[in-house]
Protein backbone atom coordinates (compact mmCIF):
# COMPACT_ATOMS: atom_id res chain seq x y z
CA MET A 1 -6.14 9.22 -21.62
CA LYS A 2 -3.77 11.66 -21.97
CA ASN A 3 -6.29 14.97 -22.60
CA LEU A 4 -7.92 13.67 -19.11
CA TRP A 5 -4.67 13.71 -17.46
CA ASP A 6 -3.85 17.53 -18.73
CA GLU A 7 -7.22 18.70 -17.54
CA PHE A 8 -6.48 17.14 -14.08
CA TYR A 9 -3.25 18.48 -13.90
CA THR A 10 -4.38 22.34 -15.22
CA LEU A 11 -6.77 22.04 -12.03
CA GLY A 12 -4.22 20.53 -9.58
CA THR A 13 -4.43 16.86 -9.40
CA GLU A 14 -5.93 15.38 -6.13
CA MET A 15 -5.94 11.39 -5.75
CA ILE A 16 -7.50 9.83 -2.79
CA VAL A 17 -5.62 7.86 0.07
CA THR A 18 -7.34 5.22 2.31
CA LYS A 19 -6.72 2.79 4.82
CA ALA A 20 -7.90 0.40 2.55
CA GLY A 21 -6.20 1.24 -0.54
CA ARG A 22 -7.89 3.15 -3.17
CA ARG A 23 -7.53 2.89 -6.94
CA MET A 24 -6.01 6.14 -9.17
CA PHE A 25 -8.65 8.02 -11.30
CA PRO A 26 -7.87 8.74 -14.31
CA PRO A 27 -6.03 5.25 -13.74
CA PHE A 28 -2.09 5.54 -15.03
CA GLN A 29 -1.85 3.96 -18.77
CA VAL A 30 1.04 4.34 -21.19
CA ARG A 31 1.24 2.39 -24.91
CA LEU A 32 4.70 1.17 -25.60
CA TYR A 33 7.06 1.19 -28.75
CA GLY A 34 10.18 -0.52 -29.28
CA LEU A 35 10.65 -3.11 -27.21
CA GLU A 36 12.37 -5.83 -28.56
CA PRO A 37 9.48 -7.96 -29.11
CA ASN A 38 10.84 -11.60 -27.82
CA VAL A 39 12.57 -10.13 -24.78
CA LYS A 40 10.61 -10.38 -21.50
CA TYR A 41 10.07 -7.17 -19.64
CA ILE A 42 8.82 -6.30 -15.90
CA LEU A 43 6.73 -2.86 -15.66
CA MET A 44 6.73 -1.34 -12.60
CA MET A 45 5.63 2.14 -11.17
CA ASP A 46 6.60 3.71 -8.10
CA PHE A 47 6.16 7.29 -6.17
CA VAL A 48 8.44 9.94 -5.51
CA PRO A 49 7.76 12.83 -3.24
CA VAL A 50 8.35 15.92 -5.32
CA ASP A 51 9.46 18.00 -2.57
CA ASP A 52 10.10 18.07 0.94
CA LYS A 53 6.55 20.31 1.97
CA ARG A 54 3.28 19.61 3.09
CA TYR A 55 0.52 21.59 2.14
CA ARG A 56 -3.04 22.74 2.99
CA TYR A 57 -5.78 24.03 0.77
CA ALA A 58 -7.01 27.33 1.00
CA PHE A 59 -10.91 27.34 0.41
CA HIS A 60 -11.16 30.96 0.38
CA SER A 61 -8.16 31.61 -2.81
CA SER A 62 -8.57 28.12 -4.39
CA LYS A 63 -4.89 27.42 -3.66
CA TRP A 64 -2.17 25.08 -2.08
CA LEU A 65 -0.29 26.57 -0.09
CA VAL A 66 2.81 24.93 1.85
CA ALA A 67 2.03 24.55 5.59
CA GLY A 68 5.45 23.27 6.26
CA LYS A 69 7.82 20.75 6.32
CA ALA A 70 7.04 17.46 4.77
CA ASP A 71 6.40 14.51 7.19
CA PRO A 72 8.88 11.76 7.51
CA SER A 73 9.08 9.98 4.57
CA VAL A 74 6.87 6.43 3.96
CA PRO A 75 8.25 3.17 2.81
CA GLY A 76 9.14 3.69 -0.63
CA ARG A 77 7.13 0.47 -2.59
CA VAL A 78 6.66 -0.45 -6.38
CA HIS A 79 3.98 -1.57 -7.78
CA ILE A 80 4.63 -3.95 -10.49
CA HIS A 81 2.33 -4.41 -13.21
CA PRO A 82 0.38 -8.31 -12.70
CA ASP A 83 1.27 -9.25 -15.72
CA SER A 84 4.79 -8.69 -15.75
CA PRO A 85 6.95 -10.13 -16.70
CA CYS A 86 5.93 -10.33 -20.38
CA THR A 87 7.54 -10.20 -24.07
CA GLY A 88 7.78 -6.76 -25.78
CA ALA A 89 5.54 -8.18 -28.25
CA GLN A 90 2.87 -8.79 -25.65
CA TRP A 91 3.11 -5.05 -23.94
CA MET A 92 3.12 -3.60 -27.28
CA LYS A 93 0.06 -4.78 -28.43
CA GLN A 94 -2.21 -2.81 -26.17
CA ILE A 95 -2.25 -0.10 -23.67
CA VAL A 96 -0.85 -1.25 -20.61
CA SER A 97 -3.22 0.05 -17.61
CA PHE A 98 -2.16 0.16 -14.23
CA ASP A 99 -5.95 0.40 -12.95
CA LYS A 100 -5.47 -2.02 -9.72
CA LEU A 101 -2.57 -0.05 -8.16
CA LYS A 102 -4.24 1.55 -4.93
CA LEU A 103 -3.14 3.94 -2.79
CA THR A 104 -3.13 4.00 0.84
CA ASN A 105 -2.01 6.24 4.01
CA ASN A 106 -2.19 3.02 6.10
CA LEU A 107 1.98 2.51 7.10
CA MET A 108 1.34 -1.01 8.65
CA ASP A 109 -0.45 -1.99 5.04
CA ASP A 110 0.41 -5.58 4.39
CA ASN A 111 -1.44 -5.72 0.81
CA GLY A 112 1.37 -4.35 -1.19
CA HIS A 113 -0.46 -1.13 -2.01
CA ILE A 114 1.48 2.13 -1.97
CA ILE A 115 1.64 4.26 0.62
CA LEU A 116 1.55 7.91 0.54
CA ASN A 117 1.28 10.89 3.27
CA SER A 118 -2.12 12.92 2.74
CA MET A 119 -1.40 16.28 2.00
CA HIS A 120 1.96 16.06 0.24
CA LYS A 121 2.61 15.89 -3.38
CA TYR A 122 4.06 13.05 -5.53
CA GLN A 123 5.33 12.43 -8.98
CA PRO A 124 4.42 8.58 -10.46
CA ARG A 125 7.32 6.92 -12.24
CA PHE A 126 7.11 4.29 -14.75
CA HIS A 127 9.54 1.60 -15.07
CA VAL A 128 10.23 -1.05 -18.00
CA VAL A 129 12.74 -3.54 -16.48
CA LEU A 130 14.52 -5.69 -19.12
CA VAL A 131 14.92 -9.36 -17.55
CA THR A 132 18.05 -10.88 -18.21
CA SER A 133 17.61 -14.00 -16.04
CA ASP A 134 15.12 -16.07 -13.67
CA LYS A 135 16.71 -14.35 -11.03
CA ASN A 136 15.93 -10.13 -12.14
CA ALA A 137 12.06 -11.35 -12.90
CA ASN A 138 11.26 -10.92 -9.19
CA ALA A 139 13.54 -8.55 -8.37
CA ASN A 140 13.18 -4.85 -6.94
CA LEU A 141 14.55 -1.87 -8.58
CA ASN A 142 17.28 -1.77 -6.33
CA ASP A 143 18.64 -5.35 -7.31
CA VAL A 144 17.99 -4.40 -10.81
CA ASN A 145 21.51 -3.51 -13.18
CA ARG A 146 20.80 0.63 -13.74
CA ASP A 147 21.65 -0.26 -17.44
CA HIS A 148 18.64 -2.76 -17.82
CA ILE A 149 15.70 -0.20 -16.53
CA LYS A 150 14.36 2.71 -18.72
CA THR A 151 12.68 5.10 -16.47
CA PHE A 152 9.88 7.43 -17.80
CA VAL A 153 8.50 10.65 -15.71
CA PHE A 154 5.39 12.41 -16.71
CA PRO A 155 4.79 16.01 -15.26
CA GLU A 156 1.51 15.86 -15.65
CA SER A 157 0.47 12.79 -13.50
CA GLN A 158 1.85 14.98 -10.74
CA PHE A 159 -0.82 14.96 -7.68
CA MET A 160 -1.66 15.84 -3.94
CA ALA A 161 -2.31 12.57 -1.90
CA VAL A 162 -5.52 13.75 -0.18
CA THR A 163 -8.06 11.66 2.36
CA ALA A 164 -10.92 13.70 1.03
CA TYR A 165 -11.07 16.37 -2.08
CA GLN A 166 -10.11 19.73 -1.37
CA ASN A 167 -10.40 21.48 -4.89
CA HIS A 168 -14.28 21.42 -5.67
CA MET A 169 -13.39 21.37 -9.48
CA ILE A 170 -11.60 18.69 -8.96
CA THR A 171 -14.47 16.48 -7.47
CA GLN A 172 -16.78 17.93 -10.20
CA LEU A 173 -14.09 16.81 -13.11
CA LYS A 174 -13.75 13.20 -11.08
CA ILE A 175 -17.54 12.71 -11.01
CA ALA A 176 -17.93 13.66 -14.71
CA SER A 177 -15.67 11.77 -15.99
CA ASN A 178 -15.28 8.58 -13.70
CA PRO A 179 -17.74 5.71 -15.33
CA PHE A 180 -17.85 4.45 -11.21
CA ALA A 181 -18.60 7.63 -10.09
CA LYS A 182 -22.00 7.77 -11.25
CA GLY A 183 -23.62 7.45 -8.09
CA PHE A 184 -22.49 11.23 -7.37
CA ARG A 185 -23.93 12.51 -10.52
CA ASP A 186 -27.07 14.85 -10.62
CA CYS A 187 -29.67 12.76 -12.48
CA ASP A 188 -32.79 13.86 -14.34
CA PRO A 189 -36.02 12.86 -12.30
CA ASP A 190 -37.37 11.77 -16.11
CA ASP A 191 -34.52 9.38 -16.08
CA TRP A 192 -36.34 6.91 -13.60
């Protein structure tokens, strides 16, 4: 999956945000090592603006350009992996996927989706939180002792939040690599 993220990053990754919420593609996936096997951990993600700018896409030059100052920031939300909390042994035995995470531009969202401003650039952050008591098993990032959080940032996962793909090369790569986009692929009439 890292190769796919790198390919998107080279083109300038775009992620669709909708009122109802849209899953990320590619999904954010990690493989964990070095956790204490019998200790419980919570895995979570949040998204932070890369800068204080709003962007627009210039089709004639196929580039993102600064269009002005960023819109007022939206409520910062955290997505807790649905299997949390789990032991280190459970987390380390397979790839962990945040494939249920959804992005929205709906400021009134009450489904727990990540709220983002369209035409703004974001950096996903991945957090591993050590569970030290039942009290912090349900805590948010602000309530947890900083010594019990390890944060990871993967620059290749930066993306522009959009309501429709702007770069046609991103559109083509999404269609070619997303198994759920098969309805958009050109099909051979001989396959009918």
